[in-house]
């Protein structure tokens, strides 16, 4: 399987100790599947920067170490022009931020890929476009 995880999922890898952080176990199952080669990650170019920005704000003392852990996760970056044109279309259609729609655009433009997100607001808007799965519905 080719998985596209957005920042809402990836951040759960680093915030699993928070009491109010739901579905961390499911997010970690995705990470284990990546480590075992059952999921190949494909990400948009801004993925690292978006996650790092939240880490710097929310966990400043650990952000650098967490960043290096994130950089060690095997993934490929998709930056073909079609990714951006699809993301713009999704952003206009759903009136949603382009940085969020870029993840979905990667999934829509990569054969066999699915976006896994914990962003229920975007999921509700965009589920009709397909190739998107809510993290709480993920099964290994």
N, C-alpha and C. Protein backbone atom coordinates (compact mmCIF):
# COMPACT_ATOMS: atom_id res chain seq x y z
N UNK A 1 0.84 -1.19 0.00
CA UNK A 1 0.00 0.00 0.00
C UNK A 1 0.88 1.25 0.00
N UNK A 2 0.42 2.24 -0.72
CA UNK A 2 1.09 3.54 -0.69
C UNK A 2 0.23 4.44 0.19
N UNK A 3 0.83 4.96 1.23
CA UNK A 3 0.12 5.82 2.15
C UNK A 3 0.64 7.24 2.11
N UNK A 4 -0.28 8.17 2.20
CA UNK A 4 0.05 9.58 2.36
C UNK A 4 -0.52 9.95 3.72
N UNK A 5 0.35 10.26 4.66
CA UNK A 5 -0.14 10.68 5.98
C UNK A 5 0.06 12.18 6.10
N UNK A 6 -0.95 12.85 6.57
CA UNK A 6 -0.81 14.29 6.74
C UNK A 6 -0.25 14.59 8.13
N UNK A 7 -0.02 15.84 8.39
CA UNK A 7 0.58 16.25 9.66
C UNK A 7 -0.30 15.87 10.84
N UNK A 8 -1.61 15.83 10.65
CA UNK A 8 -2.50 15.48 11.76
C UNK A 8 -2.26 14.06 12.25
N UNK A 9 -1.79 13.19 11.37
CA UNK A 9 -1.45 11.81 11.74
C UNK A 9 -0.01 11.74 12.24
N UNK A 10 0.91 12.34 11.50
CA UNK A 10 2.33 12.26 11.87
C UNK A 10 2.60 12.86 13.24
N UNK A 11 1.91 13.91 13.59
CA UNK A 11 2.14 14.53 14.90
C UNK A 11 1.75 13.61 16.05
N UNK A 12 0.84 12.69 15.81
CA UNK A 12 0.47 11.73 16.85
C UNK A 12 1.64 10.82 17.22
N UNK A 13 2.58 10.63 16.30
CA UNK A 13 3.78 9.85 16.60
C UNK A 13 4.59 10.52 17.71
N UNK A 14 4.51 11.83 17.78
CA UNK A 14 5.32 12.60 18.72
C UNK A 14 4.54 13.10 19.95
N UNK A 15 3.22 13.01 19.90
CA UNK A 15 2.39 13.49 21.00
C UNK A 15 1.63 12.37 21.69
N UNK A 16 2.15 11.17 21.61
CA UNK A 16 1.43 10.03 22.19
C UNK A 16 1.31 10.09 23.70
N UNK A 17 2.09 10.92 24.36
CA UNK A 17 2.01 11.05 25.82
C UNK A 17 0.93 12.04 26.27
N UNK A 18 0.35 12.75 25.34
CA UNK A 18 -0.71 13.71 25.68
C UNK A 18 -1.99 12.95 26.03
N UNK A 19 -2.63 13.37 27.08
CA UNK A 19 -3.87 12.72 27.51
C UNK A 19 -5.01 12.88 26.50
N UNK A 20 -5.06 14.00 25.83
CA UNK A 20 -6.18 14.28 24.93
C UNK A 20 -5.89 13.94 23.47
N UNK A 21 -4.81 13.24 23.19
CA UNK A 21 -4.43 12.93 21.81
C UNK A 21 -5.03 11.57 21.44
N UNK A 22 -6.08 11.59 20.65
CA UNK A 22 -6.80 10.37 20.28
C UNK A 22 -6.10 9.62 19.14
N UNK A 23 -6.31 8.33 19.12
CA UNK A 23 -5.90 7.45 18.02
C UNK A 23 -4.39 7.38 17.78
N UNK A 24 -3.61 7.64 18.82
CA UNK A 24 -2.15 7.52 18.69
C UNK A 24 -1.75 6.09 18.35
N UNK A 25 -2.47 5.12 18.90
CA UNK A 25 -2.16 3.72 18.62
C UNK A 25 -2.32 3.42 17.14
N UNK A 26 -3.34 3.97 16.51
CA UNK A 26 -3.55 3.76 15.08
C UNK A 26 -2.45 4.44 14.26
N UNK A 27 -2.07 5.64 14.66
CA UNK A 27 -0.99 6.34 13.96
C UNK A 27 0.31 5.57 14.10
N UNK A 28 0.57 5.02 15.28
CA UNK A 28 1.79 4.24 15.48
C UNK A 28 1.75 2.95 14.67
N UNK A 29 0.56 2.36 14.48
CA UNK A 29 0.45 1.17 13.63
C UNK A 29 0.86 1.47 12.20
N UNK A 30 0.55 2.67 11.74
CA UNK A 30 0.99 3.08 10.40
C UNK A 30 2.51 3.17 10.35
N UNK A 31 3.08 3.77 11.39
CA UNK A 31 4.54 3.90 11.45
C UNK A 31 5.21 2.52 11.47
N UNK A 32 4.65 1.59 12.24
CA UNK A 32 5.19 0.22 12.27
C UNK A 32 5.08 -0.43 10.90
N UNK A 33 3.97 -0.20 10.21
CA UNK A 33 3.78 -0.78 8.88
C UNK A 33 4.80 -0.20 7.89
N UNK A 34 5.15 1.06 8.06
CA UNK A 34 6.19 1.66 7.22
C UNK A 34 7.53 0.99 7.51
N UNK A 35 7.84 0.83 8.79
CA UNK A 35 9.10 0.19 9.18
C UNK A 35 9.19 -1.24 8.65
N UNK A 36 8.05 -1.93 8.60
CA UNK A 36 8.03 -3.33 8.14
C UNK A 36 7.90 -3.45 6.62
N UNK A 37 7.76 -2.32 5.93
CA UNK A 37 7.66 -2.35 4.47
C UNK A 37 6.28 -2.66 3.93
N UNK A 38 5.26 -2.65 4.80
CA UNK A 38 3.90 -2.91 4.34
C UNK A 38 3.23 -1.66 3.79
N UNK A 39 3.73 -0.49 4.19
CA UNK A 39 3.26 0.79 3.66
C UNK A 39 4.46 1.57 3.16
N UNK A 40 4.35 2.09 1.97
CA UNK A 40 5.34 3.01 1.43
C UNK A 40 4.75 4.41 1.51
N UNK A 41 5.47 5.30 2.17
CA UNK A 41 4.98 6.67 2.32
C UNK A 41 5.37 7.53 1.12
N UNK A 42 4.41 8.34 0.71
CA UNK A 42 4.60 9.35 -0.32
C UNK A 42 4.06 10.64 0.26
N UNK A 43 4.86 11.68 0.26
CA UNK A 43 4.48 12.92 0.92
C UNK A 43 4.64 14.13 -0.01
N UNK A 44 3.88 15.18 0.24
CA UNK A 44 4.10 16.43 -0.49
C UNK A 44 5.34 17.13 0.06
N UNK A 45 5.90 18.07 -0.69
CA UNK A 45 7.15 18.71 -0.29
C UNK A 45 7.11 19.44 1.05
N UNK A 46 5.98 19.92 1.48
CA UNK A 46 5.92 20.71 2.72
C UNK A 46 5.74 19.86 3.97
N UNK A 47 5.64 18.56 3.86
CA UNK A 47 5.35 17.68 4.99
C UNK A 47 6.30 17.89 6.17
N UNK A 48 7.60 17.81 5.92
CA UNK A 48 8.58 17.96 7.00
C UNK A 48 8.46 19.33 7.67
N UNK A 49 8.36 20.37 6.86
CA UNK A 49 8.27 21.73 7.41
C UNK A 49 7.01 21.91 8.24
N UNK A 50 5.89 21.36 7.80
CA UNK A 50 4.65 21.53 8.54
C UNK A 50 4.72 20.82 9.90
N UNK A 51 5.22 19.60 9.92
CA UNK A 51 5.34 18.86 11.17
C UNK A 51 6.37 19.55 12.08
N UNK A 52 7.50 19.95 11.51
CA UNK A 52 8.54 20.60 12.31
C UNK A 52 8.05 21.91 12.92
N UNK A 53 7.21 22.64 12.21
CA UNK A 53 6.68 23.90 12.75
C UNK A 53 5.85 23.66 14.00
N UNK A 54 5.03 22.62 13.97
CA UNK A 54 4.22 22.31 15.15
C UNK A 54 5.10 21.80 16.29
N UNK A 55 6.07 20.97 15.96
CA UNK A 55 6.98 20.47 17.00
C UNK A 55 7.73 21.62 17.67
N UNK A 56 8.20 22.57 16.87
CA UNK A 56 8.93 23.72 17.43
C UNK A 56 8.06 24.54 18.36
N UNK A 57 6.79 24.67 18.01
CA UNK A 57 5.87 25.45 18.83
C UNK A 57 5.42 24.68 20.08
N UNK A 58 5.10 23.40 19.92
CA UNK A 58 4.49 22.62 20.99
C UNK A 58 5.49 21.87 21.88
N UNK A 59 6.65 21.55 21.32
CA UNK A 59 7.66 20.78 22.06
C UNK A 59 9.05 21.36 21.81
N UNK A 60 9.27 22.61 22.11
CA UNK A 60 10.53 23.25 21.73
C UNK A 60 11.77 22.55 22.25
N UNK A 61 11.72 21.96 23.42
CA UNK A 61 12.89 21.29 23.97
C UNK A 61 13.22 19.98 23.29
N UNK A 62 12.25 19.38 22.62
CA UNK A 62 12.45 18.08 21.96
C UNK A 62 12.32 18.17 20.44
N UNK A 63 12.02 19.34 19.94
CA UNK A 63 11.70 19.49 18.51
C UNK A 63 12.83 19.01 17.60
N UNK A 64 14.05 19.35 17.94
CA UNK A 64 15.16 18.96 17.07
C UNK A 64 15.34 17.45 17.02
N UNK A 65 15.29 16.79 18.17
CA UNK A 65 15.40 15.33 18.19
C UNK A 65 14.23 14.69 17.44
N UNK A 66 13.02 15.21 17.65
CA UNK A 66 11.86 14.68 16.94
C UNK A 66 11.99 14.89 15.44
N UNK A 67 12.54 16.04 15.05
CA UNK A 67 12.74 16.30 13.63
C UNK A 67 13.66 15.25 13.01
N UNK A 68 14.75 14.94 13.69
CA UNK A 68 15.67 13.93 13.14
C UNK A 68 15.01 12.56 13.08
N UNK A 69 14.16 12.25 14.05
CA UNK A 69 13.40 10.99 13.98
C UNK A 69 12.48 11.00 12.76
N UNK A 70 11.82 12.11 12.52
CA UNK A 70 10.95 12.23 11.36
C UNK A 70 11.72 12.08 10.06
N UNK A 71 12.88 12.71 9.99
CA UNK A 71 13.70 12.63 8.77
C UNK A 71 14.20 11.22 8.50
N UNK A 72 14.26 10.39 9.53
CA UNK A 72 14.72 9.01 9.36
C UNK A 72 13.64 8.06 8.90
N UNK A 73 12.40 8.53 8.83
CA UNK A 73 11.31 7.68 8.34
C UNK A 73 11.37 7.67 6.82
N UNK A 74 11.40 6.49 6.27
CA UNK A 74 11.53 6.37 4.82
C UNK A 74 10.26 6.83 4.12
N UNK A 75 10.44 7.79 3.22
CA UNK A 75 9.31 8.28 2.42
C UNK A 75 9.85 8.92 1.15
N UNK A 76 8.97 9.03 0.19
CA UNK A 76 9.31 9.71 -1.06
C UNK A 76 8.52 11.00 -1.13
N UNK A 77 9.07 11.96 -1.83
CA UNK A 77 8.40 13.26 -1.99
C UNK A 77 7.83 13.34 -3.40
N UNK A 78 6.57 13.73 -3.47
CA UNK A 78 5.91 13.93 -4.76
C UNK A 78 5.83 15.43 -5.01
N UNK A 79 6.37 15.88 -6.12
CA UNK A 79 6.30 17.31 -6.41
C UNK A 79 6.03 17.59 -7.89
N UNK A 80 5.34 16.66 -8.55
CA UNK A 80 5.00 16.86 -9.94
C UNK A 80 4.00 18.01 -10.08
N UNK A 81 4.02 18.70 -11.21
CA UNK A 81 3.09 19.83 -11.40
C UNK A 81 1.62 19.45 -11.18
N UNK A 82 1.25 18.21 -11.53
CA UNK A 82 -0.14 17.77 -11.37
C UNK A 82 -0.57 17.79 -9.90
N UNK A 83 0.38 17.56 -9.00
CA UNK A 83 0.06 17.59 -7.58
C UNK A 83 -0.46 18.98 -7.20
N UNK A 84 0.22 19.99 -7.67
CA UNK A 84 -0.15 21.36 -7.33
C UNK A 84 -1.46 21.78 -8.00
N UNK A 85 -1.66 21.41 -9.25
CA UNK A 85 -2.91 21.79 -9.91
C UNK A 85 -4.10 21.08 -9.28
N UNK A 86 -3.92 19.82 -8.91
CA UNK A 86 -4.99 19.10 -8.21
C UNK A 86 -5.26 19.73 -6.85
N UNK A 87 -4.20 20.08 -6.13
CA UNK A 87 -4.36 20.71 -4.81
C UNK A 87 -5.10 22.04 -4.91
N UNK A 88 -4.79 22.82 -5.93
CA UNK A 88 -5.50 24.09 -6.13
C UNK A 88 -6.97 23.83 -6.40
N UNK A 89 -7.27 22.86 -7.24
CA UNK A 89 -8.65 22.51 -7.53
C UNK A 89 -9.39 22.10 -6.26
N UNK A 90 -8.77 21.24 -5.45
CA UNK A 90 -9.39 20.80 -4.20
C UNK A 90 -9.58 21.97 -3.24
N UNK A 91 -8.60 22.84 -3.14
CA UNK A 91 -8.68 24.00 -2.25
C UNK A 91 -9.85 24.91 -2.64
N UNK A 92 -10.02 25.13 -3.94
CA UNK A 92 -11.13 25.96 -4.40
C UNK A 92 -12.46 25.26 -4.20
N UNK A 93 -12.52 23.99 -4.56
CA UNK A 93 -13.77 23.23 -4.48
C UNK A 93 -14.27 23.12 -3.04
N UNK A 94 -13.35 22.84 -2.13
CA UNK A 94 -13.75 22.60 -0.74
C UNK A 94 -13.50 23.80 0.18
N UNK A 95 -12.99 24.90 -0.40
CA UNK A 95 -12.69 26.09 0.39
C UNK A 95 -11.83 25.72 1.59
N UNK A 96 -10.71 25.10 1.27
CA UNK A 96 -9.83 24.58 2.31
C UNK A 96 -8.39 24.99 2.00
N UNK A 97 -7.57 25.02 3.02
CA UNK A 97 -6.19 25.46 2.90
C UNK A 97 -5.40 24.54 1.95
N UNK A 98 -4.61 25.14 1.08
CA UNK A 98 -3.84 24.39 0.10
C UNK A 98 -2.86 23.41 0.74
N UNK A 99 -2.27 23.76 1.86
CA UNK A 99 -1.33 22.84 2.50
C UNK A 99 -2.01 21.53 2.87
N UNK A 100 -3.28 21.57 3.23
CA UNK A 100 -4.02 20.35 3.53
C UNK A 100 -4.39 19.60 2.25
N UNK A 101 -4.79 20.33 1.23
CA UNK A 101 -5.21 19.66 0.00
C UNK A 101 -4.03 19.05 -0.76
N UNK A 102 -2.83 19.54 -0.51
CA UNK A 102 -1.65 18.95 -1.17
C UNK A 102 -1.50 17.47 -0.81
N UNK A 103 -1.78 17.09 0.42
CA UNK A 103 -1.69 15.68 0.81
C UNK A 103 -2.67 14.85 -0.01
N UNK A 104 -3.90 15.34 -0.12
CA UNK A 104 -4.91 14.61 -0.87
C UNK A 104 -4.54 14.55 -2.35
N UNK A 105 -3.99 15.62 -2.85
CA UNK A 105 -3.58 15.65 -4.26
C UNK A 105 -2.50 14.61 -4.54
N UNK A 106 -1.59 14.41 -3.60
CA UNK A 106 -0.57 13.36 -3.78
C UNK A 106 -1.26 12.01 -3.90
N UNK A 107 -2.22 11.73 -3.02
CA UNK A 107 -2.93 10.45 -3.08
C UNK A 107 -3.70 10.30 -4.39
N UNK A 108 -4.36 11.35 -4.82
CA UNK A 108 -5.16 11.28 -6.04
C UNK A 108 -4.32 11.12 -7.30
N UNK A 109 -3.08 11.58 -7.25
CA UNK A 109 -2.20 11.51 -8.42
C UNK A 109 -1.18 10.38 -8.36
N UNK A 110 -1.24 9.56 -7.34
CA UNK A 110 -0.32 8.44 -7.19
C UNK A 110 -1.13 7.15 -7.23
N UNK A 111 -0.97 6.35 -8.28
CA UNK A 111 -1.75 5.10 -8.37
C UNK A 111 -1.58 4.24 -7.12
N UNK A 112 -2.70 3.80 -6.58
CA UNK A 112 -2.69 2.93 -5.42
C UNK A 112 -2.50 3.63 -4.09
N UNK A 113 -2.46 4.95 -4.07
CA UNK A 113 -2.21 5.69 -2.83
C UNK A 113 -3.53 6.10 -2.17
N UNK A 114 -3.45 6.23 -0.84
CA UNK A 114 -4.58 6.69 -0.04
C UNK A 114 -4.07 7.69 0.98
N UNK A 115 -4.78 8.79 1.13
CA UNK A 115 -4.49 9.75 2.20
C UNK A 115 -5.11 9.23 3.48
N UNK A 116 -4.32 9.21 4.54
CA UNK A 116 -4.83 8.88 5.87
C UNK A 116 -4.72 10.15 6.69
N UNK A 117 -5.85 10.61 7.22
CA UNK A 117 -5.91 11.87 7.93
C UNK A 117 -6.69 11.75 9.23
N UNK A 118 -6.34 12.56 10.20
CA UNK A 118 -7.12 12.70 11.42
C UNK A 118 -7.92 14.00 11.40
N UNK A 119 -7.85 14.71 10.30
CA UNK A 119 -8.54 15.99 10.12
C UNK A 119 -9.98 15.71 9.66
N UNK A 120 -10.89 15.60 10.63
CA UNK A 120 -12.26 15.23 10.29
C UNK A 120 -12.97 16.31 9.46
N UNK A 121 -12.62 17.56 9.69
CA UNK A 121 -13.25 18.64 8.92
C UNK A 121 -12.92 18.49 7.44
N UNK A 122 -11.66 18.27 7.12
CA UNK A 122 -11.30 18.10 5.70
C UNK A 122 -11.90 16.80 5.17
N UNK A 123 -11.82 15.74 5.93
CA UNK A 123 -12.37 14.46 5.49
C UNK A 123 -13.85 14.60 5.10
N UNK A 124 -14.63 15.26 5.93
CA UNK A 124 -16.05 15.42 5.65
C UNK A 124 -16.28 16.19 4.35
N UNK A 125 -15.45 17.17 4.09
CA UNK A 125 -15.58 17.95 2.86
C UNK A 125 -15.17 17.13 1.63
N UNK A 126 -14.10 16.36 1.76
CA UNK A 126 -13.42 15.80 0.58
C UNK A 126 -13.63 14.31 0.35
N UNK A 127 -14.35 13.64 1.21
CA UNK A 127 -14.46 12.18 1.07
C UNK A 127 -15.06 11.77 -0.27
N UNK A 128 -15.89 12.60 -0.86
CA UNK A 128 -16.49 12.27 -2.15
C UNK A 128 -15.45 12.20 -3.27
N UNK A 129 -14.29 12.81 -3.08
CA UNK A 129 -13.23 12.76 -4.10
C UNK A 129 -12.50 11.42 -4.09
N UNK A 130 -12.65 10.66 -3.01
CA UNK A 130 -12.04 9.34 -2.93
C UNK A 130 -10.59 9.38 -2.48
N UNK A 131 -10.03 8.17 -2.30
CA UNK A 131 -8.63 7.98 -1.93
C UNK A 131 -8.27 8.69 -0.64
N UNK A 132 -9.20 8.71 0.31
CA UNK A 132 -8.99 9.35 1.61
C UNK A 132 -9.62 8.47 2.69
N UNK A 133 -8.91 8.33 3.79
CA UNK A 133 -9.35 7.48 4.88
C UNK A 133 -9.14 8.23 6.19
N UNK A 134 -10.14 8.21 7.03
CA UNK A 134 -10.02 8.82 8.35
C UNK A 134 -9.21 7.88 9.23
N UNK A 135 -8.28 8.43 9.99
CA UNK A 135 -7.39 7.61 10.81
C UNK A 135 -8.16 6.64 11.69
N UNK A 136 -9.26 7.07 12.28
CA UNK A 136 -10.01 6.19 13.19
C UNK A 136 -10.58 4.98 12.46
N UNK A 137 -10.64 5.02 11.14
CA UNK A 137 -11.13 3.89 10.34
C UNK A 137 -10.01 3.03 9.79
N UNK A 138 -8.77 3.39 10.09
CA UNK A 138 -7.62 2.64 9.59
C UNK A 138 -7.50 1.30 10.31
N UNK A 139 -7.30 0.25 9.53
CA UNK A 139 -6.99 -1.06 10.09
C UNK A 139 -5.72 -1.56 9.41
N UNK A 140 -4.87 -2.17 10.19
CA UNK A 140 -3.58 -2.63 9.67
C UNK A 140 -3.76 -3.74 8.65
